[in-house]
Amino acid sequence: MLKTIKYALLLGTLLTSCTLDPKCEWVDEFMAFENYALVEDLQQVDLVLYGRNEDSDINLYSEYVVRSDSAYDALTSVSRGDSCDYCNYPQIDFSQYTLVGFTTEIGCFAQNYLKVSTTTEGLRYALKTVDESQCSSIYCGNFSFNWVLVPKSLDTGNITFEYSIARYKCDC
């Protein structure tokens, strides 16, 4: 009987020490993103390659600016050479466009939002990840290149890359 009471007290202590209703605070670390103007005539690209686990040339949170067929071939060479079943290689006219991307790893339910803006210094490529999940520790291995085609009419000689996140911070 005494053992049962001890177990009941221990269980009661554990249950009351857990927060079943965590306190969460929305934190937007990239407020400026909302004020950035979006350049028209941009096209998102469904270019899918191996991620950094399969291709050591791919780096997380890295910038990619591809201006030619030869650079595109070099970027896709590992995926093409290994016959990647889920990869996708759209044809791109590099006389008309520059391919620009930024690699991220995002949560299961997160969304990336992309804006390319013109500034006095050149182009600004801004990427904001919005993750509305609370207390989620599920890892999905989502990897994204966030590709966009920028018309050659825009000067891509100087591109500034910005990245940040908006998410819940919880006491889970």
N, C-alpha and C. Protein backbone atom coordinates (compact mmCIF):
# COMPACT_ATOMS: atom_id res chain seq x y z
N MET A 1 0.82 -1.19 0.00
CA MET A 1 0.00 0.00 0.00
C MET A 1 0.87 1.26 0.00
N LEU A 2 1.93 1.25 0.82
CA LEU A 2 2.83 2.39 0.89
C LEU A 2 3.53 2.62 -0.45
N LYS A 3 3.85 1.50 -1.14
CA LYS A 3 4.46 1.60 -2.47
C LYS A 3 3.52 2.27 -3.46
N THR A 4 2.25 1.94 -3.41
CA THR A 4 1.25 2.52 -4.30
C THR A 4 1.12 4.02 -4.05
N ILE A 5 1.15 4.43 -2.81
CA ILE A 5 1.04 5.86 -2.48
C ILE A 5 2.28 6.60 -3.00
N LYS A 6 3.47 5.99 -2.85
CA LYS A 6 4.69 6.62 -3.35
C LYS A 6 4.63 6.80 -4.87
N TYR A 7 4.17 5.77 -5.58
CA TYR A 7 4.03 5.86 -7.03
C TYR A 7 3.01 6.92 -7.42
N ALA A 8 1.92 7.01 -6.69
CA ALA A 8 0.89 8.01 -6.97
C ALA A 8 1.45 9.41 -6.76
N LEU A 9 2.21 9.63 -5.69
CA LEU A 9 2.83 10.93 -5.43
C LEU A 9 3.85 11.28 -6.51
N LEU A 10 4.66 10.31 -6.91
CA LEU A 10 5.64 10.52 -7.96
C LEU A 10 4.96 10.88 -9.27
N LEU A 11 3.93 10.15 -9.63
CA LEU A 11 3.18 10.43 -10.86
C LEU A 11 2.53 11.80 -10.79
N GLY A 12 1.97 12.14 -9.66
CA GLY A 12 1.34 13.46 -9.49
C GLY A 12 2.35 14.58 -9.63
N THR A 13 3.55 14.40 -9.10
CA THR A 13 4.61 15.40 -9.21
C THR A 13 5.02 15.58 -10.67
N LEU A 14 5.16 14.47 -11.38
CA LEU A 14 5.55 14.55 -12.79
C LEU A 14 4.48 15.24 -13.63
N LEU A 15 3.24 14.92 -13.39
CA LEU A 15 2.16 15.52 -14.18
C LEU A 15 2.02 17.01 -13.92
N THR A 16 2.21 17.44 -12.69
CA THR A 16 2.07 18.88 -12.40
C THR A 16 3.29 19.66 -12.84
N SER A 17 4.42 19.01 -13.08
CA SER A 17 5.60 19.73 -13.53
C SER A 17 5.60 19.93 -15.05
N CYS A 18 4.76 19.24 -15.77
CA CYS A 18 4.66 19.38 -17.22
C CYS A 18 3.70 20.50 -17.56
N THR A 19 4.04 21.25 -18.60
CA THR A 19 3.15 22.29 -19.07
C THR A 19 2.32 21.73 -20.21
N LEU A 20 1.04 21.55 -19.96
CA LEU A 20 0.18 21.02 -21.01
C LEU A 20 -0.29 22.12 -21.95
N ASP A 21 -0.25 23.35 -21.49
CA ASP A 21 -0.62 24.49 -22.30
C ASP A 21 0.56 25.45 -22.33
N PRO A 22 1.52 25.21 -23.23
CA PRO A 22 2.75 26.01 -23.21
C PRO A 22 2.48 27.47 -23.57
N LYS A 23 3.31 28.32 -23.05
CA LYS A 23 3.24 29.74 -23.39
C LYS A 23 4.12 29.96 -24.61
N CYS A 24 3.52 30.47 -25.66
CA CYS A 24 4.24 30.69 -26.91
C CYS A 24 4.22 32.17 -27.27
N GLU A 25 5.32 32.60 -27.83
CA GLU A 25 5.42 33.99 -28.27
C GLU A 25 5.81 33.99 -29.74
N TRP A 26 5.07 34.76 -30.54
CA TRP A 26 5.38 34.88 -31.96
C TRP A 26 6.56 35.84 -32.10
N VAL A 27 7.62 35.39 -32.76
CA VAL A 27 8.81 36.20 -32.95
C VAL A 27 9.10 36.28 -34.44
N ASP A 28 9.05 37.49 -34.97
CA ASP A 28 9.37 37.73 -36.37
C ASP A 28 10.73 38.40 -36.42
N GLU A 29 11.73 37.65 -36.83
CA GLU A 29 13.09 38.16 -36.87
C GLU A 29 13.41 38.88 -38.18
N PHE A 30 12.40 38.99 -39.07
CA PHE A 30 12.62 39.60 -40.38
C PHE A 30 11.45 40.54 -40.71
N MET A 31 11.18 41.48 -39.83
CA MET A 31 10.06 42.42 -40.02
C MET A 31 10.24 43.25 -41.29
N ALA A 32 11.46 43.59 -41.65
CA ALA A 32 11.70 44.44 -42.82
C ALA A 32 11.20 43.79 -44.11
N PHE A 33 11.12 42.47 -44.14
CA PHE A 33 10.69 41.74 -45.33
C PHE A 33 9.34 42.24 -45.84
N GLU A 34 8.43 42.55 -44.92
CA GLU A 34 7.08 42.98 -45.31
C GLU A 34 7.10 44.29 -46.10
N ASN A 35 8.11 45.11 -45.91
CA ASN A 35 8.18 46.40 -46.58
C ASN A 35 8.94 46.37 -47.90
N TYR A 36 9.56 45.25 -48.23
CA TYR A 36 10.31 45.16 -49.47
C TYR A 36 9.36 45.08 -50.66
N ALA A 37 9.68 45.83 -51.69
CA ALA A 37 8.90 45.79 -52.93
C ALA A 37 9.35 44.58 -53.76
N LEU A 38 8.43 43.99 -54.46
CA LEU A 38 8.71 42.81 -55.27
C LEU A 38 8.92 43.22 -56.72
N VAL A 39 10.02 42.77 -57.32
CA VAL A 39 10.26 42.99 -58.74
C VAL A 39 9.28 42.14 -59.53
N GLU A 40 8.68 42.73 -60.53
CA GLU A 40 7.74 42.00 -61.39
C GLU A 40 8.52 41.12 -62.37
N ASP A 41 7.83 40.25 -63.06
CA ASP A 41 8.40 39.39 -64.10
C ASP A 41 9.39 38.35 -63.59
N LEU A 42 9.28 37.98 -62.33
CA LEU A 42 10.12 36.90 -61.83
C LEU A 42 9.36 35.59 -61.95
N GLN A 43 10.08 34.52 -62.17
CA GLN A 43 9.46 33.21 -62.27
C GLN A 43 10.14 32.26 -61.31
N GLN A 44 9.34 31.56 -60.51
CA GLN A 44 9.91 30.53 -59.68
C GLN A 44 10.20 29.33 -60.56
N VAL A 45 11.21 28.56 -60.20
CA VAL A 45 11.68 27.46 -61.02
C VAL A 45 11.60 26.16 -60.24
N ASP A 46 11.08 25.15 -60.88
CA ASP A 46 10.96 23.84 -60.25
C ASP A 46 12.19 22.99 -60.56
N LEU A 47 13.35 23.51 -60.18
CA LEU A 47 14.60 22.78 -60.34
C LEU A 47 14.84 22.00 -59.06
N VAL A 48 14.87 20.68 -59.15
CA VAL A 48 15.05 19.82 -57.98
C VAL A 48 16.32 19.02 -58.17
N LEU A 49 17.24 19.15 -57.20
CA LEU A 49 18.52 18.45 -57.23
C LEU A 49 18.68 17.65 -55.95
N TYR A 50 19.72 16.85 -55.92
CA TYR A 50 20.12 16.23 -54.67
C TYR A 50 20.43 17.31 -53.65
N GLY A 51 20.20 17.01 -52.40
CA GLY A 51 20.57 17.93 -51.34
C GLY A 51 22.01 17.73 -50.92
N ARG A 52 22.39 18.42 -49.87
CA ARG A 52 23.79 18.41 -49.43
C ARG A 52 24.26 17.05 -48.91
N ASN A 53 23.32 16.18 -48.50
CA ASN A 53 23.73 14.87 -48.01
C ASN A 53 24.24 13.98 -49.14
N GLU A 54 23.73 14.19 -50.35
CA GLU A 54 24.15 13.38 -51.50
C GLU A 54 25.18 14.09 -52.38
N ASP A 55 25.20 15.43 -52.34
CA ASP A 55 26.10 16.20 -53.19
C ASP A 55 26.91 17.14 -52.29
N SER A 56 28.17 16.84 -52.11
CA SER A 56 29.02 17.63 -51.21
C SER A 56 29.29 19.04 -51.73
N ASP A 57 28.97 19.31 -53.00
CA ASP A 57 29.14 20.66 -53.54
C ASP A 57 27.99 21.59 -53.14
N ILE A 58 26.91 21.02 -52.63
CA ILE A 58 25.75 21.81 -52.20
C ILE A 58 25.92 22.14 -50.72
N ASN A 59 25.83 23.42 -50.41
CA ASN A 59 26.00 23.87 -49.03
C ASN A 59 24.73 24.51 -48.52
N LEU A 60 24.41 24.24 -47.27
CA LEU A 60 23.22 24.81 -46.63
C LEU A 60 23.43 26.31 -46.39
N TYR A 61 22.38 27.08 -46.60
CA TYR A 61 22.38 28.54 -46.44
C TYR A 61 23.45 29.18 -47.32
N SER A 62 23.51 28.72 -48.56
CA SER A 62 24.45 29.26 -49.53
C SER A 62 23.71 29.90 -50.69
N GLU A 63 24.39 30.84 -51.32
CA GLU A 63 23.83 31.59 -52.45
C GLU A 63 24.29 30.97 -53.76
N TYR A 64 23.38 30.89 -54.72
CA TYR A 64 23.71 30.38 -56.04
C TYR A 64 23.23 31.36 -57.09
N VAL A 65 24.14 31.77 -57.97
CA VAL A 65 23.82 32.62 -59.11
C VAL A 65 24.38 31.92 -60.34
N VAL A 66 23.47 31.48 -61.22
CA VAL A 66 23.86 30.70 -62.39
C VAL A 66 23.52 31.52 -63.63
N ARG A 67 24.56 31.85 -64.41
CA ARG A 67 24.38 32.75 -65.55
C ARG A 67 24.56 32.08 -66.92
N SER A 68 25.00 30.80 -66.92
CA SER A 68 25.32 30.18 -68.21
C SER A 68 24.94 28.69 -68.21
N ASP A 69 24.87 28.14 -69.42
CA ASP A 69 24.59 26.71 -69.58
C ASP A 69 25.67 25.86 -68.91
N SER A 70 26.92 26.27 -69.03
CA SER A 70 28.01 25.48 -68.44
C SER A 70 27.94 25.49 -66.91
N ALA A 71 27.59 26.62 -66.31
CA ALA A 71 27.43 26.68 -64.85
C ALA A 71 26.23 25.84 -64.41
N TYR A 72 25.17 25.85 -65.20
CA TYR A 72 23.98 25.04 -64.91
C TYR A 72 24.32 23.55 -64.99
N ASP A 73 25.09 23.16 -66.02
CA ASP A 73 25.52 21.77 -66.16
C ASP A 73 26.38 21.34 -64.97
N ALA A 74 27.26 22.21 -64.52
CA ALA A 74 28.12 21.89 -63.37
C ALA A 74 27.28 21.74 -62.10
N LEU A 75 26.28 22.60 -61.92
CA LEU A 75 25.42 22.54 -60.74
C LEU A 75 24.62 21.24 -60.70
N THR A 76 24.14 20.79 -61.84
CA THR A 76 23.27 19.61 -61.90
C THR A 76 24.02 18.30 -62.15
N SER A 77 25.32 18.36 -62.32
CA SER A 77 26.08 17.18 -62.77
C SER A 77 25.98 15.98 -61.82
N VAL A 78 26.07 16.20 -60.51
CA VAL A 78 26.02 15.07 -59.58
C VAL A 78 24.66 14.40 -59.62
N SER A 79 23.60 15.19 -59.61
CA SER A 79 22.25 14.63 -59.65
C SER A 79 21.99 13.89 -60.95
N ARG A 80 22.40 14.48 -62.05
CA ARG A 80 22.20 13.82 -63.35
C ARG A 80 23.05 12.56 -63.46
N GLY A 81 24.27 12.62 -62.97
CA GLY A 81 25.19 11.49 -63.07
C GLY A 81 24.74 10.29 -62.25
N ASP A 82 23.99 10.54 -61.19
CA ASP A 82 23.54 9.46 -60.31
C ASP A 82 22.10 9.04 -60.64
N SER A 83 21.55 9.57 -61.71
CA SER A 83 20.18 9.25 -62.16
C SER A 83 19.16 9.43 -61.04
N CYS A 84 19.12 10.61 -60.48
CA CYS A 84 18.18 10.95 -59.40
C CYS A 84 16.75 10.80 -59.90
N ASP A 85 15.96 9.96 -59.23
CA ASP A 85 14.59 9.67 -59.67
C ASP A 85 13.62 10.83 -59.44
N TYR A 86 13.82 11.62 -58.40
CA TYR A 86 12.88 12.70 -58.08
C TYR A 86 13.36 14.07 -58.54
N CYS A 87 14.52 14.12 -59.15
CA CYS A 87 15.08 15.41 -59.59
C CYS A 87 14.35 15.93 -60.82
N ASN A 88 14.43 17.23 -61.02
CA ASN A 88 13.79 17.88 -62.16
C ASN A 88 14.74 18.95 -62.69
N TYR A 89 14.97 18.94 -64.00
CA TYR A 89 15.92 19.86 -64.62
C TYR A 89 15.23 20.64 -65.73
N PRO A 90 14.57 21.74 -65.42
CA PRO A 90 13.90 22.51 -66.48
C PRO A 90 14.92 23.15 -67.41
N GLN A 91 14.51 23.33 -68.66
CA GLN A 91 15.36 24.03 -69.61
C GLN A 91 15.28 25.52 -69.31
N ILE A 92 16.42 26.17 -69.30
CA ILE A 92 16.49 27.60 -68.99
C ILE A 92 17.25 28.29 -70.10
N ASP A 93 16.69 29.37 -70.59
CA ASP A 93 17.33 30.18 -71.62
C ASP A 93 18.19 31.23 -70.92
N PHE A 94 19.49 30.95 -70.82
CA PHE A 94 20.39 31.85 -70.10
C PHE A 94 20.72 33.12 -70.87
N SER A 95 20.25 33.23 -72.11
CA SER A 95 20.38 34.50 -72.81
C SER A 95 19.29 35.48 -72.34
N GLN A 96 18.24 34.93 -71.73
CA GLN A 96 17.12 35.74 -71.24
C GLN A 96 17.08 35.88 -69.72
N TYR A 97 17.62 34.87 -69.00
CA TYR A 97 17.46 34.82 -67.54
C TYR A 97 18.76 34.46 -66.82
N THR A 98 18.80 34.83 -65.55
CA THR A 98 19.81 34.37 -64.60
C THR A 98 19.07 33.58 -63.54
N LEU A 99 19.60 32.41 -63.19
CA LEU A 99 19.00 31.55 -62.18
C LEU A 99 19.64 31.89 -60.83
N VAL A 100 18.79 32.22 -59.86
CA VAL A 100 19.27 32.61 -58.53
C VAL A 100 18.57 31.76 -57.49
N GLY A 101 19.33 31.27 -56.51
CA GLY A 101 18.76 30.45 -55.45
C GLY A 101 19.52 30.58 -54.15
N PHE A 102 18.87 30.14 -53.09
CA PHE A 102 19.46 30.16 -51.74
C PHE A 102 18.96 28.91 -51.03
N THR A 103 19.87 28.08 -50.54
CA THR A 103 19.49 26.80 -49.95
C THR A 103 19.10 26.94 -48.49
N THR A 104 18.00 26.29 -48.13
CA THR A 104 17.56 26.29 -46.73
C THR A 104 17.07 24.90 -46.35
N GLU A 105 17.10 24.66 -45.06
CA GLU A 105 16.50 23.48 -44.47
C GLU A 105 15.38 24.01 -43.59
N ILE A 106 14.16 23.52 -43.81
CA ILE A 106 13.02 24.10 -43.10
C ILE A 106 12.23 23.02 -42.38
N GLY A 107 11.43 23.45 -41.41
CA GLY A 107 10.60 22.53 -40.63
C GLY A 107 9.50 21.91 -41.45
N CYS A 108 8.84 20.93 -40.85
CA CYS A 108 7.81 20.15 -41.55
C CYS A 108 6.68 21.02 -42.09
N PHE A 109 6.25 22.00 -41.31
CA PHE A 109 5.08 22.79 -41.70
C PHE A 109 5.45 24.22 -42.04
N ALA A 110 6.72 24.50 -42.21
CA ALA A 110 7.17 25.86 -42.52
C ALA A 110 6.96 26.17 -44.00
N GLN A 111 6.89 27.46 -44.30
CA GLN A 111 6.75 27.94 -45.67
C GLN A 111 7.83 28.99 -45.93
N ASN A 112 8.41 28.97 -47.11
CA ASN A 112 9.36 30.00 -47.50
C ASN A 112 8.66 31.03 -48.38
N TYR A 113 8.98 32.30 -48.15
CA TYR A 113 8.47 33.41 -48.96
C TYR A 113 9.67 34.16 -49.50
N LEU A 114 9.61 34.49 -50.78
CA LEU A 114 10.74 35.06 -51.48
C LEU A 114 10.37 36.38 -52.13
N LYS A 115 11.24 37.38 -51.97
CA LYS A 115 11.07 38.66 -52.66
C LYS A 115 12.42 39.08 -53.23
N VAL A 116 12.42 39.47 -54.49
CA VAL A 116 13.59 40.08 -55.09
C VAL A 116 13.22 41.53 -55.34
N SER A 117 14.06 42.44 -54.83
CA SER A 117 13.80 43.87 -54.93
C SER A 117 15.01 44.57 -55.54
N THR A 118 14.77 45.73 -56.13
CA THR A 118 15.87 46.55 -56.61
C THR A 118 16.23 47.55 -55.51
N THR A 119 17.52 47.75 -55.33
CA THR A 119 18.01 48.75 -54.38
C THR A 119 19.03 49.61 -55.11
N THR A 120 19.53 50.63 -54.47
CA THR A 120 20.54 51.48 -55.10
C THR A 120 21.86 50.73 -55.29
N GLU A 121 22.08 49.68 -54.49
CA GLU A 121 23.32 48.90 -54.60
C GLU A 121 23.19 47.72 -55.58
N GLY A 122 21.99 47.39 -56.01
CA GLY A 122 21.77 46.25 -56.90
C GLY A 122 20.48 45.54 -56.52
N LEU A 123 20.46 44.22 -56.68
CA LEU A 123 19.27 43.45 -56.33
C LEU A 123 19.36 42.93 -54.90
N ARG A 124 18.20 42.83 -54.26
CA ARG A 124 18.10 42.22 -52.94
C ARG A 124 17.25 40.97 -53.07
N TYR A 125 17.82 39.82 -52.72
CA TYR A 125 17.12 38.54 -52.70
C TYR A 125 16.82 38.27 -51.23
N ALA A 126 15.56 38.36 -50.87
CA ALA A 126 15.16 38.19 -49.46
C ALA A 126 14.30 36.95 -49.32
N LEU A 127 14.65 36.11 -48.37
CA LEU A 127 13.92 34.86 -48.13
C LEU A 127 13.51 34.82 -46.67
N LYS A 128 12.21 34.64 -46.45
CA LYS A 128 11.67 34.58 -45.09
C LYS A 128 10.98 33.24 -44.89
N THR A 129 11.39 32.51 -43.87
CA THR A 129 10.75 31.25 -43.50
C THR A 129 9.75 31.53 -42.40
N VAL A 130 8.51 31.10 -42.60
CA VAL A 130 7.46 31.28 -41.61
C VAL A 130 7.06 29.90 -41.10
N ASP A 131 7.25 29.69 -39.80
CA ASP A 131 6.95 28.40 -39.18
C ASP A 131 5.94 28.62 -38.06
N GLU A 132 4.70 28.22 -38.30
CA GLU A 132 3.63 28.44 -37.33
C GLU A 132 3.41 27.26 -36.40
N SER A 133 4.28 26.25 -36.48
CA SER A 133 4.11 25.11 -35.59
C SER A 133 4.57 25.48 -34.17
N GLN A 134 3.91 24.87 -33.21
CA GLN A 134 4.24 25.11 -31.81
C GLN A 134 4.71 23.80 -31.19
N CYS A 135 5.82 23.87 -30.49
CA CYS A 135 6.36 22.71 -29.77
C CYS A 135 6.60 21.51 -30.67
N SER A 136 6.86 21.75 -31.91
CA SER A 136 7.07 20.65 -32.85
C SER A 136 8.55 20.32 -32.93
N SER A 137 8.88 19.10 -32.64
CA SER A 137 10.26 18.67 -32.77
C SER A 137 10.39 17.61 -33.86
N ILE A 138 9.40 17.55 -34.73
CA ILE A 138 9.42 16.57 -35.81
C ILE A 138 10.39 17.06 -36.88
N TYR A 139 11.31 16.22 -37.27
CA TYR A 139 12.26 16.58 -38.32
C TYR A 139 11.84 15.90 -39.61
N CYS A 140 11.71 16.69 -40.64
CA CYS A 140 11.27 16.15 -41.93
C CYS A 140 12.38 16.12 -42.97
N GLY A 141 13.46 16.82 -42.72
CA GLY A 141 14.53 16.86 -43.71
C GLY A 141 14.16 17.65 -44.94
N ASN A 142 13.25 18.62 -44.81
CA ASN A 142 12.87 19.44 -45.96
C ASN A 142 14.05 20.33 -46.35
N PHE A 143 14.39 20.27 -47.61
CA PHE A 143 15.52 21.01 -48.14
C PHE A 143 15.03 21.75 -49.37
N SER A 144 15.33 23.04 -49.45
CA SER A 144 14.80 23.83 -50.56
C SER A 144 15.89 24.73 -51.13
N PHE A 145 15.91 24.84 -52.45
CA PHE A 145 16.86 25.72 -53.12
C PHE A 145 16.27 27.11 -53.35
N ASN A 146 14.94 27.25 -53.38
CA ASN A 146 14.28 28.54 -53.54
C ASN A 146 14.73 29.27 -54.80
N TRP A 147 14.63 28.56 -55.92
CA TRP A 147 15.09 29.10 -57.20
C TRP A 147 14.12 30.13 -57.77
N VAL A 148 14.68 31.11 -58.44
CA VAL A 148 13.88 32.10 -59.17
C VAL A 148 14.69 32.52 -60.40
N LEU A 149 13.96 32.78 -61.48
CA LEU A 149 14.60 33.30 -62.70
C LEU A 149 14.48 34.82 -62.71
N VAL A 150 15.62 35.48 -62.86
CA VAL A 150 15.67 36.94 -62.91
C VAL A 150 15.95 37.34 -64.36
N PRO A 151 15.13 38.20 -64.94
CA PRO A 151 15.37 38.61 -66.33
C PRO A 151 16.74 39.27 -66.50
N LYS A 152 17.38 39.03 -67.65
CA LYS A 152 18.68 39.63 -67.94
C LYS A 152 18.60 41.15 -68.00
N SER A 153 17.40 41.69 -68.17
CA SER A 153 17.26 43.15 -68.20
C SER A 153 17.62 43.78 -66.86
N LEU A 154 17.58 42.99 -65.80
CA LEU A 154 17.99 43.48 -64.48
C LEU A 154 19.46 43.16 -64.27
N ASP A 155 20.17 44.06 -63.64
CA ASP A 155 21.60 43.88 -63.39
C ASP A 155 21.79 42.89 -62.23
N THR A 156 22.34 41.73 -62.53
CA THR A 156 22.56 40.71 -61.48
C THR A 156 24.02 40.71 -61.03
N GLY A 157 24.77 41.75 -61.36
CA GLY A 157 26.17 41.82 -60.97
C GLY A 157 26.36 41.92 -59.47
N ASN A 158 25.41 42.56 -58.79
CA ASN A 158 25.50 42.69 -57.33
C ASN A 158 24.17 42.29 -56.72
N ILE A 159 24.15 41.12 -56.11
CA ILE A 159 22.93 40.63 -55.45
C ILE A 159 23.24 40.46 -53.96
N THR A 160 22.44 41.09 -53.13
CA THR A 160 22.55 40.93 -51.68
C THR A 160 21.54 39.89 -51.25
N PHE A 161 21.97 38.90 -50.48
CA PHE A 161 21.08 37.85 -50.01
C PHE A 161 20.76 38.08 -48.54
N GLU A 162 19.48 38.01 -48.21
CA GLU A 162 19.03 38.13 -46.82
C GLU A 162 18.11 36.96 -46.50
N TYR A 163 18.26 36.42 -45.28
CA TYR A 163 17.43 35.31 -44.85
C TYR A 163 17.15 35.45 -43.36
N SER A 164 15.91 35.17 -42.98
CA SER A 164 15.57 35.09 -41.57
C SER A 164 14.26 34.33 -41.42
N ILE A 165 13.75 34.29 -40.18
CA ILE A 165 12.62 33.43 -39.88
C ILE A 165 11.61 34.14 -38.98
N ALA A 166 10.36 33.73 -39.09
CA ALA A 166 9.30 34.12 -38.17
C ALA A 166 8.74 32.83 -37.62
N ARG A 167 8.63 32.72 -36.28
CA ARG A 167 8.20 31.46 -35.69
C ARG A 167 7.72 31.68 -34.26
N TYR A 168 7.11 30.63 -33.74
CA TYR A 168 6.73 30.62 -32.32
C TYR A 168 7.92 30.14 -31.50
N LYS A 169 8.17 30.82 -30.40
CA LYS A 169 9.12 30.35 -29.40
C LYS A 169 8.30 29.97 -28.19
N CYS A 170 8.37 28.71 -27.81
CA CYS A 170 7.50 28.18 -26.76
C CYS A 170 8.32 27.62 -25.61
N ASP A 171 7.67 27.51 -24.47
CA ASP A 171 8.30 26.92 -23.28
C ASP A 171 7.96 25.44 -23.16
N CYS A 172 8.09 24.73 -24.23
CA CYS A 172 7.72 23.31 -24.27
C CYS A 172 8.77 22.45 -23.57
